[in-house]
Amino acid sequence: MTTPVPTRFTDDELALIDELVDSGIAENRSAVIRRGVHYLAESVRRARVGASIAASYREQPQTPEDDDLAMASALAMTEAEPW
């Protein structure tokens, strides 16, 4: 079930939406708008996750010991490959 949400768009915005419909991105204006909402929500979610990761690195920076461990793991994984 869907609920109508009255929204106003400028002529330029409608032209952009129609361009997306015409190029096959979605079958109609409503589908373009719904897709845009999902895309925006996913972008916001990813930005929040990224900010959280960056904050954790600022709070607890990587140490030279972490670098050494990461390099040792990478070498071990590479050497374990059957190539």
PDB file of N, CA and C in Angstrom:
ATOM      1  N   MET A   1       0.839  -1.184   0.000  1.00  0.00           N
ATOM      2  CA  MET A   1       0.000   0.000   0.000  1.00  0.00           C
ATOM      3  C   MET A   1       0.884   1.247   0.000  1.00  0.00           C
ATOM      4  N   THR A   2       0.508   2.216  -0.752  1.00  0.00           N
ATOM      5  CA  THR A   2       1.235   3.477  -0.795  1.00  0.00           C
ATOM      6  C   THR A   2       0.325   4.601  -0.326  1.00  0.00           C
ATOM      7  N   THR A   3       0.935   5.677   0.142  1.00  0.00           N
ATOM      8  CA  THR A   3       0.202   6.848   0.601  1.00  0.00           C
ATOM      9  C   THR A   3       0.620   8.036  -0.236  1.00  0.00           C
ATOM     10  N   PRO A   4      -0.331   8.728  -0.833  1.00  0.00           N
ATOM     11  CA  PRO A   4       0.018   9.905  -1.618  1.00  0.00           C
ATOM     12  C   PRO A   4       0.613  10.993  -0.714  1.00  0.00           C
ATOM     13  N   VAL A   5       1.652  11.648  -1.204  1.00  0.00           N
ATOM     14  CA  VAL A   5       2.283  12.755  -0.482  1.00  0.00           C
ATOM     15  C   VAL A   5       2.336  13.937  -1.442  1.00  0.00           C
ATOM     16  N   PRO A   6       1.468  14.916  -1.222  1.00  0.00           N
ATOM     17  CA  PRO A   6       1.477  16.079  -2.119  1.00  0.00           C
ATOM     18  C   PRO A   6       2.819  16.807  -2.030  1.00  0.00           C
ATOM     19  N   THR A   7       3.433  17.034  -3.167  1.00  0.00           N
ATOM     20  CA  THR A   7       4.739  17.681  -3.232  1.00  0.00           C
ATOM     21  C   THR A   7       4.766  18.621  -4.422  1.00  0.00           C
ATOM     22  N   ARG A   8       5.449  19.712  -4.259  1.00  0.00           N
ATOM     23  CA  ARG A   8       5.580  20.671  -5.363  1.00  0.00           C
ATOM     24  C   ARG A   8       7.005  20.615  -5.893  1.00  0.00           C
ATOM     25  N   PHE A   9       7.117  20.642  -7.216  1.00  0.00           N
ATOM     26  CA  PHE A   9       8.411  20.648  -7.878  1.00  0.00           C
ATOM     27  C   PHE A   9       8.468  21.826  -8.833  1.00  0.00           C
ATOM     28  N   THR A  10       9.660  22.366  -9.000  1.00  0.00           N
ATOM     29  CA  THR A  10       9.835  23.419  -9.993  1.00  0.00           C
ATOM     30  C   THR A  10       9.805  22.777 -11.381  1.00  0.00           C
ATOM     31  N   ASP A  11       9.703  23.611 -12.386  1.00  0.00           N
ATOM     32  CA  ASP A  11       9.729  23.098 -13.758  1.00  0.00           C
ATOM     33  C   ASP A  11      11.052  22.394 -14.044  1.00  0.00           C
ATOM     34  N   ASP A  12      12.145  22.947 -13.535  1.00  0.00           N
ATOM     35  CA  ASP A  12      13.457  22.331 -13.751  1.00  0.00           C
ATOM     36  C   ASP A  12      13.543  20.965 -13.082  1.00  0.00           C
ATOM     37  N   GLU A  13      13.004  20.863 -11.866  1.00  0.00           N
ATOM     38  CA  GLU A  13      13.018  19.581 -11.164  1.00  0.00           C
ATOM     39  C   GLU A  13      12.177  18.539 -11.899  1.00  0.00           C
ATOM     40  N   LEU A  14      11.011  18.958 -12.380  1.00  0.00           N
ATOM     41  CA  LEU A  14      10.173  18.036 -13.144  1.00  0.00           C
ATOM     42  C   LEU A  14      10.857  17.601 -14.434  1.00  0.00           C
ATOM     43  N   ALA A  15      11.578  18.523 -15.051  1.00  0.00           N
ATOM     44  CA  ALA A  15      12.303  18.177 -16.277  1.00  0.00           C
ATOM     45  C   ALA A  15      13.359  17.117 -15.970  1.00  0.00           C
ATOM     46  N   LEU A  16      14.053  17.250 -14.828  1.00  0.00           N
ATOM     47  CA  LEU A  16      15.043  16.245 -14.432  1.00  0.00           C
ATOM     48  C   LEU A  16      14.385  14.890 -14.190  1.00  0.00           C
ATOM     49  N   ILE A  17      13.256  14.907 -13.495  1.00  0.00           N
ATOM     50  CA  ILE A  17      12.534  13.661 -13.221  1.00  0.00           C
ATOM     51  C   ILE A  17      12.096  13.020 -14.532  1.00  0.00           C
ATOM     52  N   ASP A  18      11.539  13.820 -15.428  1.00  0.00           N
ATOM     53  CA  ASP A  18      11.082  13.290 -16.721  1.00  0.00           C
ATOM     54  C   ASP A  18      12.242  12.749 -17.544  1.00  0.00           C
ATOM     55  N   GLU A  19      13.398  13.405 -17.435  1.00  0.00           N
ATOM     56  CA  GLU A  19      14.599  12.919 -18.127  1.00  0.00           C
ATOM     57  C   GLU A  19      14.958  11.511 -17.641  1.00  0.00           C
ATOM     58  N   LEU A  20      14.872  11.309 -16.337  1.00  0.00           N
ATOM     59  CA  LEU A  20      15.174   9.993 -15.769  1.00  0.00           C
ATOM     60  C   LEU A  20      14.163   8.945 -16.227  1.00  0.00           C
ATOM     61  N   VAL A  21      12.904   9.333 -16.297  1.00  0.00           N
ATOM     62  CA  VAL A  21      11.877   8.405 -16.797  1.00  0.00           C
ATOM     63  C   VAL A  21      12.160   8.078 -18.262  1.00  0.00           C
ATOM     64  N   ASP A  22      12.418   9.105 -19.050  1.00  0.00           N
ATOM     65  CA  ASP A  22      12.673   8.914 -20.481  1.00  0.00           C
ATOM     66  C   ASP A  22      13.906   8.048 -20.749  1.00  0.00           C
ATOM     67  N   SER A  23      14.894   8.107 -19.842  1.00  0.00           N
ATOM     68  CA  SER A  23      16.102   7.316 -20.046  1.00  0.00           C
ATOM     69  C   SER A  23      15.968   5.898 -19.480  1.00  0.00           C
ATOM     70  N   GLY A  24      14.796   5.580 -18.933  1.00  0.00           N
ATOM     71  CA  GLY A  24      14.549   4.220 -18.474  1.00  0.00           C
ATOM     72  C   GLY A  24      14.973   3.923 -17.047  1.00  0.00           C
ATOM     73  N   ILE A  25      15.323   4.953 -16.280  1.00  0.00           N
ATOM     74  CA  ILE A  25      15.721   4.753 -14.889  1.00  0.00           C
ATOM     75  C   ILE A  25      14.552   4.201 -14.076  1.00  0.00           C
ATOM     76  N   ALA A  26      13.362   4.663 -14.376  1.00  0.00           N
ATOM     77  CA  ALA A  26      12.147   4.174 -13.715  1.00  0.00           C
ATOM     78  C   ALA A  26      10.991   4.351 -14.682  1.00  0.00           C
ATOM     79  N   GLU A  27       9.881   3.680 -14.372  1.00  0.00           N
ATOM     80  CA  GLU A  27       8.776   3.696 -15.338  1.00  0.00           C
ATOM     81  C   GLU A  27       7.899   4.940 -15.257  1.00  0.00           C
ATOM     82  N   ASN A  28       7.974   5.694 -14.155  1.00  0.00           N
ATOM     83  CA  ASN A  28       7.164   6.909 -14.036  1.00  0.00           C
ATOM     84  C   ASN A  28       7.780   7.847 -13.002  1.00  0.00           C
ATOM     85  N   ARG A  29       7.180   9.022 -12.862  1.00  0.00           N
ATOM     86  CA  ARG A  29       7.713  10.020 -11.936  1.00  0.00           C
ATOM     87  C   ARG A  29       7.747   9.505 -10.498  1.00  0.00           C
ATOM     88  N   SER A  30       6.671   8.866 -10.081  1.00  0.00           N
ATOM     89  CA  SER A  30       6.604   8.363  -8.706  1.00  0.00           C
ATOM     90  C   SER A  30       7.732   7.382  -8.423  1.00  0.00           C
ATOM     91  N   ALA A  31       8.002   6.520  -9.377  1.00  0.00           N
ATOM     92  CA  ALA A  31       9.072   5.530  -9.194  1.00  0.00           C
ATOM     93  C   ALA A  31      10.433   6.209  -9.102  1.00  0.00           C
ATOM     94  N   VAL A  32      10.633   7.274  -9.880  1.00  0.00           N
ATOM     95  CA  VAL A  32      11.893   8.020  -9.805  1.00  0.00           C
ATOM     96  C   VAL A  32      12.045   8.637  -8.421  1.00  0.00           C
ATOM     97  N   ILE A  33      10.990   9.224  -7.920  1.00  0.00           N
ATOM     98  CA  ILE A  33      11.043   9.882  -6.610  1.00  0.00           C
ATOM     99  C   ILE A  33      11.274   8.849  -5.506  1.00  0.00           C
ATOM    100  N   ARG A  34      10.562   7.723  -5.554  1.00  0.00           N
ATOM    101  CA  ARG A  34      10.773   6.665  -4.554  1.00  0.00           C
ATOM    102  C   ARG A  34      12.211   6.172  -4.596  1.00  0.00           C
ATOM    103  N   ARG A  35      12.716   5.966  -5.802  1.00  0.00           N
ATOM    104  CA  ARG A  35      14.097   5.497  -5.946  1.00  0.00           C
ATOM    105  C   ARG A  35      15.078   6.526  -5.376  1.00  0.00           C
ATOM    106  N   GLY A  36      14.796   7.795  -5.625  1.00  0.00           N
ATOM    107  CA  GLY A  36      15.638   8.858  -5.089  1.00  0.00           C
ATOM    108  C   GLY A  36      15.638   8.885  -3.567  1.00  0.00           C
ATOM    109  N   VAL A  37      14.491   8.635  -2.957  1.00  0.00           N
ATOM    110  CA  VAL A  37      14.409   8.602  -1.497  1.00  0.00           C
ATOM    111  C   VAL A  37      15.251   7.446  -0.959  1.00  0.00           C
ATOM    112  N   HIS A  38      15.153   6.285  -1.579  1.00  0.00           N
ATOM    113  CA  HIS A  38      15.952   5.135  -1.140  1.00  0.00           C
ATOM    114  C   HIS A  38      17.444   5.407  -1.318  1.00  0.00           C
ATOM    115  N   TYR A  39      17.806   6.025  -2.430  1.00  0.00           N
ATOM    116  CA  TYR A  39      19.210   6.353  -2.688  1.00  0.00           C
ATOM    117  C   TYR A  39      19.732   7.334  -1.646  1.00  0.00           C
ATOM    118  N   LEU A  40      18.939   8.357  -1.338  1.00  0.00           N
ATOM    119  CA  LEU A  40      19.341   9.339  -0.336  1.00  0.00           C
ATOM    120  C   LEU A  40      19.496   8.683   1.033  1.00  0.00           C
ATOM    121  N   ALA A  41      18.544   7.838   1.414  1.00  0.00           N
ATOM    122  CA  ALA A  41      18.620   7.162   2.716  1.00  0.00           C
ATOM    123  C   ALA A  41      19.874   6.297   2.800  1.00  0.00           C
ATOM    124  N   GLU A  42      20.205   5.587   1.735  1.00  0.00           N
ATOM    125  CA  GLU A  42      21.408   4.743   1.716  1.00  0.00           C
ATOM    126  C   GLU A  42      22.670   5.599   1.777  1.00  0.00           C
ATOM    127  N   SER A  43      22.671   6.723   1.091  1.00  0.00           N
ATOM    128  CA  SER A  43      23.825   7.633   1.127  1.00  0.00           C
ATOM    129  C   SER A  43      24.037   8.181   2.528  1.00  0.00           C
ATOM    130  N   VAL A  44      22.959   8.553   3.198  1.00  0.00           N
ATOM    131  CA  VAL A  44      23.058   9.070   4.566  1.00  0.00           C
ATOM    132  C   VAL A  44      23.566   7.974   5.494  1.00  0.00           C
ATOM    133  N   ARG A  45      23.050   6.751   5.344  1.00  0.00           N
ATOM    134  CA  ARG A  45      23.485   5.637   6.175  1.00  0.00           C
ATOM    135  C   ARG A  45      24.981   5.389   6.004  1.00  0.00           C
ATOM    136  N   ARG A  46      25.434   5.367   4.743  1.00  0.00           N
ATOM    137  CA  ARG A  46      26.850   5.125   4.468  1.00  0.00           C
ATOM    138  C   ARG A  46      27.718   6.247   5.030  1.00  0.00           C
ATOM    139  N   ALA A  47      27.259   7.486   4.921  1.00  0.00           N
ATOM    140  CA  ALA A  47      28.019   8.619   5.454  1.00  0.00           C
ATOM    141  C   ALA A  47      28.139   8.506   6.968  1.00  0.00           C
ATOM    142  N   ARG A  48      27.076   8.085   7.625  1.00  0.00           N
ATOM    143  CA  ARG A  48      27.119   7.926   9.086  1.00  0.00           C
ATOM    144  C   ARG A  48      28.078   6.812   9.489  1.00  0.00           C
ATOM    145  N   VAL A  49      28.054   5.716   8.755  1.00  0.00           N
ATOM    146  CA  VAL A  49      28.979   4.616   9.049  1.00  0.00           C
ATOM    147  C   VAL A  49      30.418   5.095   8.844  1.00  0.00           C
ATOM    148  N   GLY A  50      30.669   5.782   7.757  1.00  0.00           N
ATOM    149  CA  GLY A  50      32.008   6.307   7.483  1.00  0.00           C
ATOM    150  C   GLY A  50      32.475   7.269   8.562  1.00  0.00           C
ATOM    151  N   ALA A  51      31.581   8.148   9.002  1.00  0.00           N
ATOM    152  CA  ALA A  51      31.933   9.094  10.061  1.00  0.00           C
ATOM    153  C   ALA A  51      32.232   8.353  11.358  1.00  0.00           C
ATOM    154  N   SER A  52      31.483   7.317  11.624  1.00  0.00           N
ATOM    155  CA  SER A  52      31.715   6.519  12.833  1.00  0.00           C
ATOM    156  C   SER A  52      33.075   5.820  12.778  1.00  0.00           C
ATOM    157  N   ILE A  53      33.407   5.268  11.629  1.00  0.00           N
ATOM    158  CA  ILE A  53      34.712   4.607  11.464  1.00  0.00           C
ATOM    159  C   ILE A  53      35.840   5.622  11.626  1.00  0.00           C
ATOM    160  N   ALA A  54      35.694   6.783  10.990  1.00  0.00           N
ATOM    161  CA  ALA A  54      36.722   7.820  11.087  1.00  0.00           C
ATOM    162  C   ALA A  54      36.885   8.292  12.535  1.00  0.00           C
ATOM    163  N   ALA A  55      35.771   8.447  13.238  1.00  0.00           N
ATOM    164  CA  ALA A  55      35.833   8.883  14.640  1.00  0.00           C
ATOM    165  C   ALA A  55      36.552   7.846  15.491  1.00  0.00           C
ATOM    166  N   SER A  56      36.308   6.560  15.215  1.00  0.00           N
ATOM    167  CA  SER A  56      36.959   5.520  16.014  1.00  0.00           C
ATOM    168  C   SER A  56      38.470   5.517  15.768  1.00  0.00           C
ATOM    169  N   TYR A  57      38.893   5.797  14.529  1.00  0.00           N
ATOM    170  CA  TYR A  57      40.333   5.879  14.253  1.00  0.00           C
ATOM    171  C   TYR A  57      40.949   7.105  14.923  1.00  0.00           C
ATOM    172  N   ARG A  58      40.170   8.204  15.003  1.00  0.00           N
ATOM    173  CA  ARG A  58      40.694   9.387  15.702  1.00  0.00           C
ATOM    174  C   ARG A  58      40.820   9.115  17.195  1.00  0.00           C
ATOM    175  N   GLU A  59      39.858   8.383  17.756  1.00  0.00           N
ATOM    176  CA  GLU A  59      39.880   8.071  19.188  1.00  0.00           C
ATOM    177  C   GLU A  59      40.974   7.055  19.523  1.00  0.00           C
ATOM    178  N   GLN A  60      41.180   6.117  18.624  1.00  0.00           N
ATOM    179  CA  GLN A  60      42.189   5.086  18.868  1.00  0.00           C
ATOM    180  C   GLN A  60      42.982   4.882  17.570  1.00  0.00           C
ATOM    181  N   PRO A  61      43.980   5.749  17.342  1.00  0.00           N
ATOM    182  CA  PRO A  61      44.748   5.682  16.090  1.00  0.00           C
ATOM    183  C   PRO A  61      45.491   4.356  15.924  1.00  0.00           C
ATOM    184  N   GLN A  62      45.708   4.023  14.674  1.00  0.00           N
ATOM    185  CA  GLN A  62      46.467   2.814  14.354  1.00  0.00           C
ATOM    186  C   GLN A  62      47.918   3.007  14.788  1.00  0.00           C
ATOM    187  N   THR A  63      48.503   1.950  15.335  1.00  0.00           N
ATOM    188  CA  THR A  63      49.882   2.024  15.827  1.00  0.00           C
ATOM    189  C   THR A  63      50.821   1.322  14.852  1.00  0.00           C
ATOM    190  N   PRO A  64      52.121   1.560  14.986  1.00  0.00           N
ATOM    191  CA  PRO A  64      53.089   0.828  14.155  1.00  0.00           C
ATOM    192  C   PRO A  64      52.963  -0.694  14.346  1.00  0.00           C
ATOM    193  N   GLU A  65      52.598  -1.120  15.556  1.00  0.00           N
ATOM    194  CA  GLU A  65      52.407  -2.558  15.789  1.00  0.00           C
ATOM    195  C   GLU A  65      51.234  -3.094  14.970  1.00  0.00           C
ATOM    196  N   ASP A  66      50.178  -2.278  14.846  1.00  0.00           N
ATOM    197  CA  ASP A  66      49.043  -2.669  14.014  1.00  0.00           C
ATOM    198  C   ASP A  66      49.480  -2.818  12.559  1.00  0.00           C
ATOM    199  N   ASP A  67      50.325  -1.893  12.102  1.00  0.00           N
ATOM    200  CA  ASP A  67      50.835  -1.961  10.728  1.00  0.00           C
ATOM    201  C   ASP A  67      51.633  -3.245  10.509  1.00  0.00           C
ATOM    202  N   ASP A  68      52.485  -3.572  11.468  1.00  0.00           N
ATOM    203  CA  ASP A  68      53.291  -4.792  11.356  1.00  0.00           C
ATOM    204  C   ASP A  68      52.414  -6.034  11.301  1.00  0.00           C
ATOM    205  N   LEU A  69      51.381  -6.071  12.139  1.00  0.00           N
ATOM    206  CA  LEU A  69      50.475  -7.213  12.160  1.00  0.00           C
ATOM    207  C   LEU A  69      49.711  -7.321  10.836  1.00  0.00           C
ATOM    208  N   ALA A  70      49.255  -6.187  10.319  1.00  0.00           N
ATOM    209  CA  ALA A  70      48.533  -6.183   9.046  1.00  0.00           C
ATOM    210  C   ALA A  70      49.435  -6.674   7.911  1.00  0.00           C
ATOM    211  N   MET A  71      50.676  -6.240   7.893  1.00  0.00           N
ATOM    212  CA  MET A  71      51.613  -6.672   6.853  1.00  0.00           C
ATOM    213  C   MET A  71      51.883  -8.166   6.964  1.00  0.00           C
ATOM    214  N   ALA A  72      52.071  -8.659   8.179  1.00  0.00           N
ATOM    215  CA  ALA A  72      52.310 -10.091   8.375  1.00  0.00           C
ATOM    216  C   ALA A  72      51.109 -10.908   7.903  1.00  0.00           C
ATOM    217  N   SER A  73      49.911 -10.433   8.183  1.00  0.00           N
ATOM    218  CA  SER A  73      48.701 -11.134   7.738  1.00  0.00           C
ATOM    219  C   SER A  73      48.603 -11.133   6.218  1.00  0.00           C
ATOM    220  N   ALA A  74      48.903  -9.991   5.609  1.00  0.00           N
ATOM    221  CA  ALA A  74      48.839  -9.895   4.146  1.00  0.00           C
ATOM    222  C   ALA A  74      49.848 -10.838   3.499  1.00  0.00           C
ATOM    223  N   LEU A  75      51.047 -10.883   4.039  1.00  0.00           N
ATOM    224  CA  LEU A  75      52.069 -11.784   3.495  1.00  0.00           C
ATOM    225  C   LEU A  75      51.652 -13.245   3.650  1.00  0.00           C
ATOM    226  N   ALA A  76      51.119 -13.589   4.819  1.00  0.00           N
ATOM    227  CA  ALA A  76      50.691 -14.974   5.051  1.00  0.00           C
ATOM    228  C   ALA A  76      49.580 -15.374   4.093  1.00  0.00           C
ATOM    229  N   MET A  77      48.631 -14.479   3.872  1.00  0.00           N
ATOM    230  CA  MET A  77      47.519 -14.783   2.944  1.00  0.00           C
ATOM    231  C   MET A  77      48.031 -14.925   1.523  1.00  0.00           C
ATOM    232  N   THR A  78      48.969 -14.081   1.122  1.00  0.00           N
ATOM    233  CA  THR A  78      49.532 -14.142  -0.218  1.00  0.00           C
ATOM    234  C   THR A  78      50.308 -15.432  -0.419  1.00  0.00           C
ATOM    235  N   GLU A  79      51.100 -15.780   0.560  1.00  0.00           N
ATOM    236  CA  GLU A  79      51.881 -17.008   0.462  1.00  0.00           C
ATOM    237  C   GLU A  79      51.007 -18.265   0.479  1.00  0.00           C
ATOM    238  N   ALA A  80      49.827 -18.164   1.076  1.00  0.00           N
ATOM    239  CA  ALA A  80      48.921 -19.318   1.134  1.00  0.00           C
ATOM    240  C   ALA A  80      48.177 -19.535  -0.192  1.00  0.00           C
ATOM    241  N   GLU A  81      48.218 -18.560  -1.067  1.00  0.00           N
ATOM    242  CA  GLU A  81      47.534 -18.696  -2.354  1.00  0.00           C
ATOM    243  C   GLU A  81      48.239 -19.764  -3.200  1.00  0.00           C
ATOM    244  N   PRO A  82      47.471 -20.552  -3.973  1.00  0.00           N
ATOM    245  CA  PRO A  82      48.063 -21.641  -4.748  1.00  0.00           C
ATOM    246  C   PRO A  82      48.702 -21.201  -6.067  1.00  0.00           C
ATOM    247  N   TRP A  83      48.924 -19.984  -6.299  1.00  0.00           N
ATOM    248  CA  TRP A  83      49.487 -19.520  -7.567  1.00  0.00           C
ATOM    249  C   TRP A  83      50.946 -19.665  -7.543  1.00  0.00           C
TER     250      TRP A  83
END
